[in-house]
Amino acid sequence: MLRNSLTNTIIVKRRPLEHYFLSIFSLILNEEKEIILKSYGSSIGTAIDIVNLLTGKILPNFFNVTLESSISNIDVFGGNLDMNKSSNKISVIKIILKVR
């Protein structure tokens, strides 16, 4: 899990959901108004699960805040992720959470 404090971006990889929840909770408690989740490849489902759980069950019960989520873009690009293959295609998703 990587967190860029300048842009409030959390990159979702293969860690358990609780790690991402703690990062998002700390951003909410620091009164951030926008949180960006980025994910790629097989971790896209994890990012979507995080948003669904936060907006549906967790935040309304524990915090007095509401999250609006929007998927800003879904890209497929080629990159050299594997040295053995010359070009691989990978999908990338960016989800913007707005805190109210």
PDB file of N, CA and C in Angstrom:
ATOM      1  N   MET A   1       0.854  -1.164   0.000  1.00  0.00           N
ATOM      2  CA  MET A   1       0.000   0.000   0.000  1.00  0.00           C
ATOM      3  C   MET A   1       0.896   1.222   0.000  1.00  0.00           C
ATOM      4  N   LEU A   2       0.676   2.070  -0.959  1.00  0.00           N
ATOM      5  CA  LEU A   2       1.426   3.302  -1.050  1.00  0.00           C
ATOM      6  C   LEU A   2       0.470   4.462  -0.879  1.00  0.00           C
ATOM      7  N   ARG A   3       0.919   5.486  -0.162  1.00  0.00           N
ATOM      8  CA  ARG A   3       0.072   6.657   0.026  1.00  0.00           C
ATOM      9  C   ARG A   3       0.883   7.888  -0.312  1.00  0.00           C
ATOM     10  N   ASN A   4       0.382   8.691  -1.244  1.00  0.00           N
ATOM     11  CA  ASN A   4       1.032   9.927  -1.622  1.00  0.00           C
ATOM     12  C   ASN A   4       0.317  11.050  -0.900  1.00  0.00           C
ATOM     13  N   SER A   5       0.984  11.697   0.061  1.00  0.00           N
ATOM     14  CA  SER A   5       0.322  12.694   0.891  1.00  0.00           C
ATOM     15  C   SER A   5       0.005  13.968   0.121  1.00  0.00           C
ATOM     16  N   LEU A   6       0.680  14.222  -0.980  1.00  0.00           N
ATOM     17  CA  LEU A   6       0.398  15.442  -1.734  1.00  0.00           C
ATOM     18  C   LEU A   6      -0.924  15.368  -2.477  1.00  0.00           C
ATOM     19  N   THR A   7      -1.263  14.218  -2.994  1.00  0.00           N
ATOM     20  CA  THR A   7      -2.485  14.102  -3.788  1.00  0.00           C
ATOM     21  C   THR A   7      -3.544  13.229  -3.128  1.00  0.00           C
ATOM     22  N   ASN A   8      -3.278  12.746  -1.916  1.00  0.00           N
ATOM     23  CA  ASN A   8      -4.220  11.874  -1.207  1.00  0.00           C
ATOM     24  C   ASN A   8      -4.586  10.645  -2.036  1.00  0.00           C
ATOM     25  N   THR A   9      -3.589  10.050  -2.635  1.00  0.00           N
ATOM     26  CA  THR A   9      -3.785   8.889  -3.482  1.00  0.00           C
ATOM     27  C   THR A   9      -3.350   7.628  -2.752  1.00  0.00           C
ATOM     28  N   ILE A  10      -4.202   6.621  -2.798  1.00  0.00           N
ATOM     29  CA  ILE A  10      -3.879   5.313  -2.235  1.00  0.00           C
ATOM     30  C   ILE A  10      -3.848   4.329  -3.394  1.00  0.00           C
ATOM     31  N   ILE A  11      -2.744   3.623  -3.529  1.00  0.00           N
ATOM     32  CA  ILE A  11      -2.624   2.625  -4.582  1.00  0.00           C
ATOM     33  C   ILE A  11      -2.970   1.268  -3.985  1.00  0.00           C
ATOM     34  N   VAL A  12      -4.007   0.659  -4.514  1.00  0.00           N
ATOM     35  CA  VAL A  12      -4.507  -0.614  -3.997  1.00  0.00           C
ATOM     36  C   VAL A  12      -3.772  -1.745  -4.700  1.00  0.00           C
ATOM     37  N   LYS A  13      -3.189  -2.607  -3.894  1.00  0.00           N
ATOM     38  CA  LYS A  13      -2.494  -3.774  -4.433  1.00  0.00           C
ATOM     39  C   LYS A  13      -3.117  -5.028  -3.823  1.00  0.00           C
ATOM     40  N   ARG A  14      -2.321  -5.910  -3.264  1.00  0.00           N
ATOM     41  CA  ARG A  14      -2.836  -7.206  -2.787  1.00  0.00           C
ATOM     42  C   ARG A  14      -2.871  -7.344  -1.278  1.00  0.00           C
ATOM     43  N   ARG A  15      -2.890  -6.266  -0.550  1.00  0.00           N
ATOM     44  CA  ARG A  15      -2.942  -6.346   0.914  1.00  0.00           C
ATOM     45  C   ARG A  15      -4.380  -6.592   1.369  1.00  0.00           C
ATOM     46  N   PRO A  16      -4.553  -6.993   2.603  1.00  0.00           N
ATOM     47  CA  PRO A  16      -5.918  -7.161   3.127  1.00  0.00           C
ATOM     48  C   PRO A  16      -6.657  -5.826   3.166  1.00  0.00           C
ATOM     49  N   LEU A  17      -7.969  -5.894   3.089  1.00  0.00           N
ATOM     50  CA  LEU A  17      -8.808  -4.695   3.035  1.00  0.00           C
ATOM     51  C   LEU A  17      -8.600  -3.773   4.232  1.00  0.00           C
ATOM     52  N   GLU A  18      -8.320  -4.345   5.397  1.00  0.00           N
ATOM     53  CA  GLU A  18      -8.180  -3.541   6.612  1.00  0.00           C
ATOM     54  C   GLU A  18      -7.082  -2.494   6.490  1.00  0.00           C
ATOM     55  N   HIS A  19      -6.028  -2.799   5.775  1.00  0.00           N
ATOM     56  CA  HIS A  19      -4.936  -1.837   5.596  1.00  0.00           C
ATOM     57  C   HIS A  19      -5.418  -0.597   4.860  1.00  0.00           C
ATOM     58  N   TYR A  20      -6.231  -0.812   3.849  1.00  0.00           N
ATOM     59  CA  TYR A  20      -6.743   0.312   3.067  1.00  0.00           C
ATOM     60  C   TYR A  20      -7.791   1.094   3.853  1.00  0.00           C
ATOM     61  N   PHE A  21      -8.610   0.389   4.636  1.00  0.00           N
ATOM     62  CA  PHE A  21      -9.593   1.078   5.471  1.00  0.00           C
ATOM     63  C   PHE A  21      -8.900   2.028   6.443  1.00  0.00           C
ATOM     64  N   LEU A  22      -7.822   1.579   7.072  1.00  0.00           N
ATOM     65  CA  LEU A  22      -7.104   2.435   8.016  1.00  0.00           C
ATOM     66  C   LEU A  22      -6.533   3.674   7.333  1.00  0.00           C
ATOM     67  N   SER A  23      -6.013   3.512   6.134  1.00  0.00           N
ATOM     68  CA  SER A  23      -5.488   4.666   5.396  1.00  0.00           C
ATOM     69  C   SER A  23      -6.595   5.648   5.047  1.00  0.00           C
ATOM     70  N   ILE A  24      -7.724   5.122   4.623  1.00  0.00           N
ATOM     71  CA  ILE A  24      -8.849   5.991   4.263  1.00  0.00           C
ATOM     72  C   ILE A  24      -9.401   6.675   5.506  1.00  0.00           C
ATOM     73  N   PHE A  25      -9.518   5.939   6.614  1.00  0.00           N
ATOM     74  CA  PHE A  25     -10.011   6.538   7.860  1.00  0.00           C
ATOM     75  C   PHE A  25      -9.092   7.668   8.321  1.00  0.00           C
ATOM     76  N   SER A  26      -7.783   7.463   8.204  1.00  0.00           N
ATOM     77  CA  SER A  26      -6.865   8.523   8.629  1.00  0.00           C
ATOM     78  C   SER A  26      -6.999   9.757   7.754  1.00  0.00           C
ATOM     79  N   LEU A  27      -7.241   9.569   6.464  1.00  0.00           N
ATOM     80  CA  LEU A  27      -7.462  10.726   5.586  1.00  0.00           C
ATOM     81  C   LEU A  27      -8.760  11.447   5.938  1.00  0.00           C
ATOM     82  N   ILE A  28      -9.794  10.685   6.268  1.00  0.00           N
ATOM     83  CA  ILE A  28     -11.076  11.301   6.644  1.00  0.00           C
ATOM     84  C   ILE A  28     -10.921  12.064   7.951  1.00  0.00           C
ATOM     85  N   LEU A  29     -10.220  11.480   8.911  1.00  0.00           N
ATOM     86  CA  LEU A  29     -10.019  12.153  10.193  1.00  0.00           C
ATOM     87  C   LEU A  29      -9.128  13.391  10.060  1.00  0.00           C
ATOM     88  N   ASN A  30      -8.294  13.426   9.031  1.00  0.00           N
ATOM     89  CA  ASN A  30      -7.485  14.611   8.747  1.00  0.00           C
ATOM     90  C   ASN A  30      -8.254  15.628   7.901  1.00  0.00           C
ATOM     91  N   GLU A  31      -9.550  15.394   7.753  1.00  0.00           N
ATOM     92  CA  GLU A  31     -10.474  16.290   7.063  1.00  0.00           C
ATOM     93  C   GLU A  31     -10.131  16.508   5.593  1.00  0.00           C
ATOM     94  N   GLU A  32      -9.675  15.448   4.942  1.00  0.00           N
ATOM     95  CA  GLU A  32      -9.456  15.512   3.502  1.00  0.00           C
ATOM     96  C   GLU A  32     -10.806  15.446   2.812  1.00  0.00           C
ATOM     97  N   LYS A  33     -10.968  16.209   1.758  1.00  0.00           N
ATOM     98  CA  LYS A  33     -12.243  16.263   1.044  1.00  0.00           C
ATOM     99  C   LYS A  33     -12.281  15.339  -0.167  1.00  0.00           C
ATOM    100  N   GLU A  34     -11.113  14.888  -0.607  1.00  0.00           N
ATOM    101  CA  GLU A  34     -11.069  14.009  -1.772  1.00  0.00           C
ATOM    102  C   GLU A  34      -9.989  12.960  -1.575  1.00  0.00           C
ATOM    103  N   ILE A  35     -10.354  11.710  -1.807  1.00  0.00           N
ATOM    104  CA  ILE A  35      -9.432  10.590  -1.688  1.00  0.00           C
ATOM    105  C   ILE A  35      -9.455   9.851  -3.020  1.00  0.00           C
ATOM    106  N   ILE A  36      -8.285   9.531  -3.534  1.00  0.00           N
ATOM    107  CA  ILE A  36      -8.195   8.865  -4.829  1.00  0.00           C
ATOM    108  C   ILE A  36      -7.635   7.465  -4.613  1.00  0.00           C
ATOM    109  N   LEU A  37      -8.358   6.476  -5.118  1.00  0.00           N
ATOM    110  CA  LEU A  37      -7.883   5.092  -5.110  1.00  0.00           C
ATOM    111  C   LEU A  37      -7.474   4.731  -6.529  1.00  0.00           C
ATOM    112  N   LYS A  38      -6.274   4.199  -6.684  1.00  0.00           N
ATOM    113  CA  LYS A  38      -5.824   3.718  -7.987  1.00  0.00           C
ATOM    114  C   LYS A  38      -5.496   2.242  -7.850  1.00  0.00           C
ATOM    115  N   SER A  39      -5.843   1.489  -8.870  1.00  0.00           N
ATOM    116  CA  SER A  39      -5.580   0.065  -8.841  1.00  0.00           C
ATOM    117  C   SER A  39      -5.348  -0.412 -10.264  1.00  0.00           C
ATOM    118  N   TYR A  40      -4.657  -1.538 -10.386  1.00  0.00           N
ATOM    119  CA  TYR A  40      -4.409  -2.074 -11.711  1.00  0.00           C
ATOM    120  C   TYR A  40      -4.483  -3.592 -11.694  1.00  0.00           C
ATOM    121  N   GLY A  41      -4.776  -4.140 -12.850  1.00  0.00           N
ATOM    122  CA  GLY A  41      -4.792  -5.586 -13.025  1.00  0.00           C
ATOM    123  C   GLY A  41      -5.785  -6.297 -12.123  1.00  0.00           C
ATOM    124  N   SER A  42      -5.330  -7.342 -11.488  1.00  0.00           N
ATOM    125  CA  SER A  42      -6.214  -8.165 -10.664  1.00  0.00           C
ATOM    126  C   SER A  42      -6.634  -7.488  -9.366  1.00  0.00           C
ATOM    127  N   SER A  43      -6.036  -6.354  -9.026  1.00  0.00           N
ATOM    128  CA  SER A  43      -6.396  -5.634  -7.805  1.00  0.00           C
ATOM    129  C   SER A  43      -7.577  -4.684  -7.989  1.00  0.00           C
ATOM    130  N   ILE A  44      -8.084  -4.563  -9.204  1.00  0.00           N
ATOM    131  CA  ILE A  44      -9.219  -3.668  -9.459  1.00  0.00           C
ATOM    132  C   ILE A  44     -10.437  -4.105  -8.649  1.00  0.00           C
ATOM    133  N   GLY A  45     -10.686  -5.386  -8.568  1.00  0.00           N
ATOM    134  CA  GLY A  45     -11.811  -5.895  -7.788  1.00  0.00           C
ATOM    135  C   GLY A  45     -11.696  -5.538  -6.316  1.00  0.00           C
ATOM    136  N   THR A  46     -10.481  -5.555  -5.792  1.00  0.00           N
ATOM    137  CA  THR A  46     -10.264  -5.177  -4.397  1.00  0.00           C
ATOM    138  C   THR A  46     -10.611  -3.710  -4.173  1.00  0.00           C
ATOM    139  N   ALA A  47     -10.217  -2.848  -5.085  1.00  0.00           N
ATOM    140  CA  ALA A  47     -10.529  -1.413  -4.965  1.00  0.00           C
ATOM    141  C   ALA A  47     -12.029  -1.185  -4.990  1.00  0.00           C
ATOM    142  N   ILE A  48     -12.735  -1.898  -5.839  1.00  0.00           N
ATOM    143  CA  ILE A  48     -14.188  -1.752  -5.919  1.00  0.00           C
ATOM    144  C   ILE A  48     -14.850  -2.290  -4.652  1.00  0.00           C
ATOM    145  N   ASP A  49     -14.336  -3.392  -4.114  1.00  0.00           N
ATOM    146  CA  ASP A  49     -14.853  -3.920  -2.845  1.00  0.00           C
ATOM    147  C   ASP A  49     -14.674  -2.914  -1.714  1.00  0.00           C
ATOM    148  N   ILE A  50     -13.532  -2.261  -1.664  1.00  0.00           N
ATOM    149  CA  ILE A  50     -13.274  -1.257  -0.631  1.00  0.00           C
ATOM    150  C   ILE A  50     -14.311  -0.152  -0.694  1.00  0.00           C
ATOM    151  N   VAL A  51     -14.553   0.369  -1.887  1.00  0.00           N
ATOM    152  CA  VAL A  51     -15.514   1.471  -2.047  1.00  0.00           C
ATOM    153  C   VAL A  51     -16.920   1.017  -1.686  1.00  0.00           C
ATOM    154  N   ASN A  52     -17.314  -0.171  -2.132  1.00  0.00           N
ATOM    155  CA  ASN A  52     -18.659  -0.666  -1.827  1.00  0.00           C
ATOM    156  C   ASN A  52     -18.867  -0.853  -0.328  1.00  0.00           C
ATOM    157  N   LEU A  53     -17.889  -1.414   0.355  1.00  0.00           N
ATOM    158  CA  LEU A  53     -18.012  -1.619   1.797  1.00  0.00           C
ATOM    159  C   LEU A  53     -18.033  -0.291   2.551  1.00  0.00           C
ATOM    160  N   LEU A  54     -17.189   0.634   2.148  1.00  0.00           N
ATOM    161  CA  LEU A  54     -17.141   1.932   2.825  1.00  0.00           C
ATOM    162  C   LEU A  54     -18.434   2.718   2.648  1.00  0.00           C
ATOM    163  N   THR A  55     -18.920   2.792   1.444  1.00  0.00           N
ATOM    164  CA  THR A  55     -20.110   3.610   1.188  1.00  0.00           C
ATOM    165  C   THR A  55     -21.382   2.945   1.693  1.00  0.00           C
ATOM    166  N   GLY A  56     -21.405   1.624   1.741  1.00  0.00           N
ATOM    167  CA  GLY A  56     -22.640   0.946   2.118  1.00  0.00           C
ATOM    168  C   GLY A  56     -22.796   0.629   3.583  1.00  0.00           C
ATOM    169  N   LYS A  57     -21.732   0.199   4.244  1.00  0.00           N
ATOM    170  CA  LYS A  57     -21.874  -0.306   5.603  1.00  0.00           C
ATOM    171  C   LYS A  57     -21.035   0.437   6.629  1.00  0.00           C
ATOM    172  N   ILE A  58     -19.787   0.633   6.342  1.00  0.00           N
ATOM    173  CA  ILE A  58     -18.853   1.058   7.382  1.00  0.00           C
ATOM    174  C   ILE A  58     -18.989   2.530   7.741  1.00  0.00           C
ATOM    175  N   LEU A  59     -18.869   3.407   6.781  1.00  0.00           N
ATOM    176  CA  LEU A  59     -18.846   4.837   7.102  1.00  0.00           C
ATOM    177  C   LEU A  59     -20.138   5.371   7.695  1.00  0.00           C
ATOM    178  N   PRO A  60     -21.306   5.005   7.188  1.00  0.00           N
ATOM    179  CA  PRO A  60     -22.514   5.545   7.815  1.00  0.00           C
ATOM    180  C   PRO A  60     -22.668   5.133   9.277  1.00  0.00           C
ATOM    181  N   ASN A  61     -22.098   4.002   9.680  1.00  0.00           N
ATOM    182  CA  ASN A  61     -22.241   3.530  11.049  1.00  0.00           C
ATOM    183  C   ASN A  61     -21.186   4.083  12.003  1.00  0.00           C
ATOM    184  N   PHE A  62     -19.981   4.363  11.513  1.00  0.00           N
ATOM    185  CA  PHE A  62     -18.893   4.762  12.403  1.00  0.00           C
ATOM    186  C   PHE A  62     -18.550   6.245  12.341  1.00  0.00           C
ATOM    187  N   PHE A  63     -18.744   6.854  11.204  1.00  0.00           N
ATOM    188  CA  PHE A  63     -18.419   8.260  11.041  1.00  0.00           C
ATOM    189  C   PHE A  63     -19.667   9.011  10.614  1.00  0.00           C
ATOM    190  N   ASN A  64     -19.684  10.278  10.895  1.00  0.00           N
ATOM    191  CA  ASN A  64     -20.812  11.105  10.460  1.00  0.00           C
ATOM    192  C   ASN A  64     -20.460  11.755   9.128  1.00  0.00           C
ATOM    193  N   VAL A  65     -20.054  10.951   8.162  1.00  0.00           N
ATOM    194  CA  VAL A  65     -19.692  11.458   6.845  1.00  0.00           C
ATOM    195  C   VAL A  65     -20.354  10.619   5.769  1.00  0.00           C
ATOM    196  N   THR A  66     -20.440  11.187   4.606  1.00  0.00           N
ATOM    197  CA  THR A  66     -20.964  10.497   3.443  1.00  0.00           C
ATOM    198  C   THR A  66     -19.907  10.536   2.357  1.00  0.00           C
ATOM    199  N   LEU A  67     -19.743   9.436   1.657  1.00  0.00           N
ATOM    200  CA  LEU A  67     -18.796   9.377   0.545  1.00  0.00           C
ATOM    201  C   LEU A  67     -19.561   9.309  -0.757  1.00  0.00           C
ATOM    202  N   GLU A  68     -19.149  10.104  -1.707  1.00  0.00           N
ATOM    203  CA  GLU A  68     -19.629   9.977  -3.074  1.00  0.00           C
ATOM    204  C   GLU A  68     -18.494   9.371  -3.868  1.00  0.00           C
ATOM    205  N   SER A  69     -18.780   8.334  -4.620  1.00  0.00           N
ATOM    206  CA  SER A  69     -17.712   7.713  -5.404  1.00  0.00           C
ATOM    207  C   SER A  69     -18.005   7.879  -6.883  1.00  0.00           C
ATOM    208  N   SER A  70     -16.960   8.070  -7.637  1.00  0.00           N
ATOM    209  CA  SER A  70     -17.086   8.111  -9.087  1.00  0.00           C
ATOM    210  C   SER A  70     -15.834   7.493  -9.678  1.00  0.00           C
ATOM    211  N   ILE A  71     -16.037   6.762 -10.739  1.00  0.00           N
ATOM    212  CA  ILE A  71     -14.905   6.167 -11.440  1.00  0.00           C
ATOM    213  C   ILE A  71     -14.488   7.161 -12.501  1.00  0.00           C
ATOM    214  N   SER A  72     -13.282   7.651 -12.345  1.00  0.00           N
ATOM    215  CA  SER A  72     -12.848   8.713 -13.238  1.00  0.00           C
ATOM    216  C   SER A  72     -12.429   8.173 -14.603  1.00  0.00           C
ATOM    217  N   ASN A  73     -11.674   7.115 -14.619  1.00  0.00           N
ATOM    218  CA  ASN A  73     -11.311   6.539 -15.907  1.00  0.00           C
ATOM    219  C   ASN A  73     -10.853   5.101 -15.735  1.00  0.00           C
ATOM    220  N   ILE A  74     -11.024   4.350 -16.796  1.00  0.00           N
ATOM    221  CA  ILE A  74     -10.506   2.991 -16.862  1.00  0.00           C
ATOM    222  C   ILE A  74      -9.662   2.936 -18.129  1.00  0.00           C
ATOM    223  N   ASP A  75      -8.398   2.630 -17.969  1.00  0.00           N
ATOM    224  CA  ASP A  75      -7.484   2.609 -19.105  1.00  0.00           C
ATOM    225  C   ASP A  75      -6.904   1.220 -19.276  1.00  0.00           C
ATOM    226  N   VAL A  76      -6.567   0.904 -20.502  1.00  0.00           N
ATOM    227  CA  VAL A  76      -5.789  -0.289 -20.798  1.00  0.00           C
ATOM    228  C   VAL A  76      -4.567   0.198 -21.553  1.00  0.00           C
ATOM    229  N   PHE A  77      -3.404  -0.112 -21.037  1.00  0.00           N
ATOM    230  CA  PHE A  77      -2.201   0.355 -21.709  1.00  0.00           C
ATOM    231  C   PHE A  77      -1.177  -0.764 -21.758  1.00  0.00           C
ATOM    232  N   GLY A  78      -0.254  -0.633 -22.653  1.00  0.00           N
ATOM    233  CA  GLY A  78       0.817  -1.608 -22.778  1.00  0.00           C
ATOM    234  C   GLY A  78       2.036  -1.126 -22.032  1.00  0.00           C
ATOM    235  N   GLY A  79       2.673  -2.038 -21.362  1.00  0.00           N
ATOM    236  CA  GLY A  79       3.868  -1.672 -20.621  1.00  0.00           C
ATOM    237  C   GLY A  79       4.790  -2.858 -20.516  1.00  0.00           C
ATOM    238  N   ASN A  80       5.991  -2.635 -20.119  1.00  0.00           N
ATOM    239  CA  ASN A  80       6.953  -3.709 -19.942  1.00  0.00           C
ATOM    240  C   ASN A  80       6.948  -4.164 -18.495  1.00  0.00           C
ATOM    241  N   LEU A  81       5.891  -4.853 -18.097  1.00  0.00           N
ATOM    242  CA  LEU A  81       5.785  -5.334 -16.727  1.00  0.00           C
ATOM    243  C   LEU A  81       6.571  -6.621 -16.528  1.00  0.00           C
ATOM    244  N   ASP A  82       6.742  -7.379 -17.568  1.00  0.00           N
ATOM    245  CA  ASP A  82       7.479  -8.636 -17.497  1.00  0.00           C
ATOM    246  C   ASP A  82       8.653  -8.552 -18.476  1.00  0.00           C
ATOM    247  N   MET A  83       9.837  -8.797 -17.993  1.00  0.00           N
ATOM    248  CA  MET A  83      11.007  -8.673 -18.850  1.00  0.00           C
ATOM    249  C   MET A  83      11.038  -9.734 -19.947  1.00  0.00           C
ATOM    250  N   ASN A  84      10.348 -10.865 -19.736  1.00  0.00           N
ATOM    251  CA  ASN A  84      10.368 -11.938 -20.725  1.00  0.00           C
ATOM    252  C   ASN A  84       9.473 -11.656 -21.915  1.00  0.00           C
ATOM    253  N   LYS A  85       8.467 -10.817 -21.742  1.00  0.00           N
ATOM    254  CA  LYS A  85       7.544 -10.497 -22.820  1.00  0.00           C
ATOM    255  C   LYS A  85       7.754  -9.045 -23.210  1.00  0.00           C
ATOM    256  N   SER A  86       7.633  -8.762 -24.488  1.00  0.00           N
ATOM    257  CA  SER A  86       7.935  -7.410 -24.946  1.00  0.00           C
ATOM    258  C   SER A  86       6.836  -6.414 -24.600  1.00  0.00           C
ATOM    259  N   SER A  87       5.572  -6.809 -24.688  1.00  0.00           N
ATOM    260  CA  SER A  87       4.510  -5.858 -24.327  1.00  0.00           C
ATOM    261  C   SER A  87       3.335  -6.604 -23.707  1.00  0.00           C
ATOM    262  N   ASN A  88       2.930  -6.131 -22.552  1.00  0.00           N
ATOM    263  CA  ASN A  88       1.765  -6.675 -21.860  1.00  0.00           C
ATOM    264  C   ASN A  88       0.717  -5.591 -21.791  1.00  0.00           C
ATOM    265  N   LYS A  89      -0.535  -5.979 -21.752  1.00  0.00           N
ATOM    266  CA  LYS A  89      -1.604  -5.010 -21.582  1.00  0.00           C
ATOM    267  C   LYS A  89      -2.143  -5.153 -20.168  1.00  0.00           C
ATOM    268  N   ILE A  90      -2.389  -4.016 -19.532  1.00  0.00           N
ATOM    269  CA  ILE A  90      -2.885  -4.037 -18.165  1.00  0.00           C
ATOM    270  C   ILE A  90      -3.953  -2.973 -18.018  1.00  0.00           C
ATOM    271  N   SER A  91      -5.000  -3.278 -17.266  1.00  0.00           N
ATOM    272  CA  SER A  91      -6.052  -2.288 -17.021  1.00  0.00           C
ATOM    273  C   SER A  91      -5.763  -1.534 -15.739  1.00  0.00           C
ATOM    274  N   VAL A  92      -6.156  -0.262 -15.750  1.00  0.00           N
ATOM    275  CA  VAL A  92      -5.938   0.621 -14.610  1.00  0.00           C
ATOM    276  C   VAL A  92      -7.245   1.336 -14.311  1.00  0.00           C
ATOM    277  N   ILE A  93      -7.586   1.454 -13.023  1.00  0.00           N
ATOM    278  CA  ILE A  93      -8.805   2.153 -12.631  1.00  0.00           C
ATOM    279  C   ILE A  93      -8.450   3.229 -11.604  1.00  0.00           C
ATOM    280  N   LYS A  94      -9.165   4.331 -11.685  1.00  0.00           N
ATOM    281  CA  LYS A  94      -8.990   5.432 -10.732  1.00  0.00           C
ATOM    282  C   LYS A  94     -10.366   5.778 -10.182  1.00  0.00           C
ATOM    283  N   ILE A  95     -10.521   5.654  -8.863  1.00  0.00           N
ATOM    284  CA  ILE A  95     -11.798   5.927  -8.201  1.00  0.00           C
ATOM    285  C   ILE A  95     -11.616   7.140  -7.297  1.00  0.00           C
ATOM    286  N   ILE A  96     -12.471   8.125  -7.458  1.00  0.00           N
ATOM    287  CA  ILE A  96     -12.396   9.341  -6.650  1.00  0.00           C
ATOM    288  C   ILE A  96     -13.506   9.290  -5.607  1.00  0.00           C
ATOM    289  N   LEU A  97     -13.109   9.422  -4.338  1.00  0.00           N
ATOM    290  CA  LEU A  97     -14.062   9.462  -3.218  1.00  0.00           C
ATOM    291  C   LEU A  97     -14.135  10.888  -2.720  1.00  0.00           C
ATOM    292  N   LYS A  98     -15.320  11.458  -2.716  1.00  0.00           N
ATOM    293  CA  LYS A  98     -15.510  12.814  -2.179  1.00  0.00           C
ATOM    294  C   LYS A  98     -16.194  12.720  -0.835  1.00  0.00           C
ATOM    295  N   VAL A  99     -15.598  13.317   0.182  1.00  0.00           N
ATOM    296  CA  VAL A  99     -16.095  13.236   1.561  1.00  0.00           C
ATOM    297  C   VAL A  99     -16.977  14.444   1.824  1.00  0.00           C
ATOM    298  N   ARG A 100     -18.147  14.174   2.406  1.00  0.00           N
ATOM    299  CA  ARG A 100     -19.063  15.256   2.798  1.00  0.00           C
ATOM    300  C   ARG A 100     -19.305  15.208   4.279  1.00  0.00           C
TER     301      ARG A 100
END
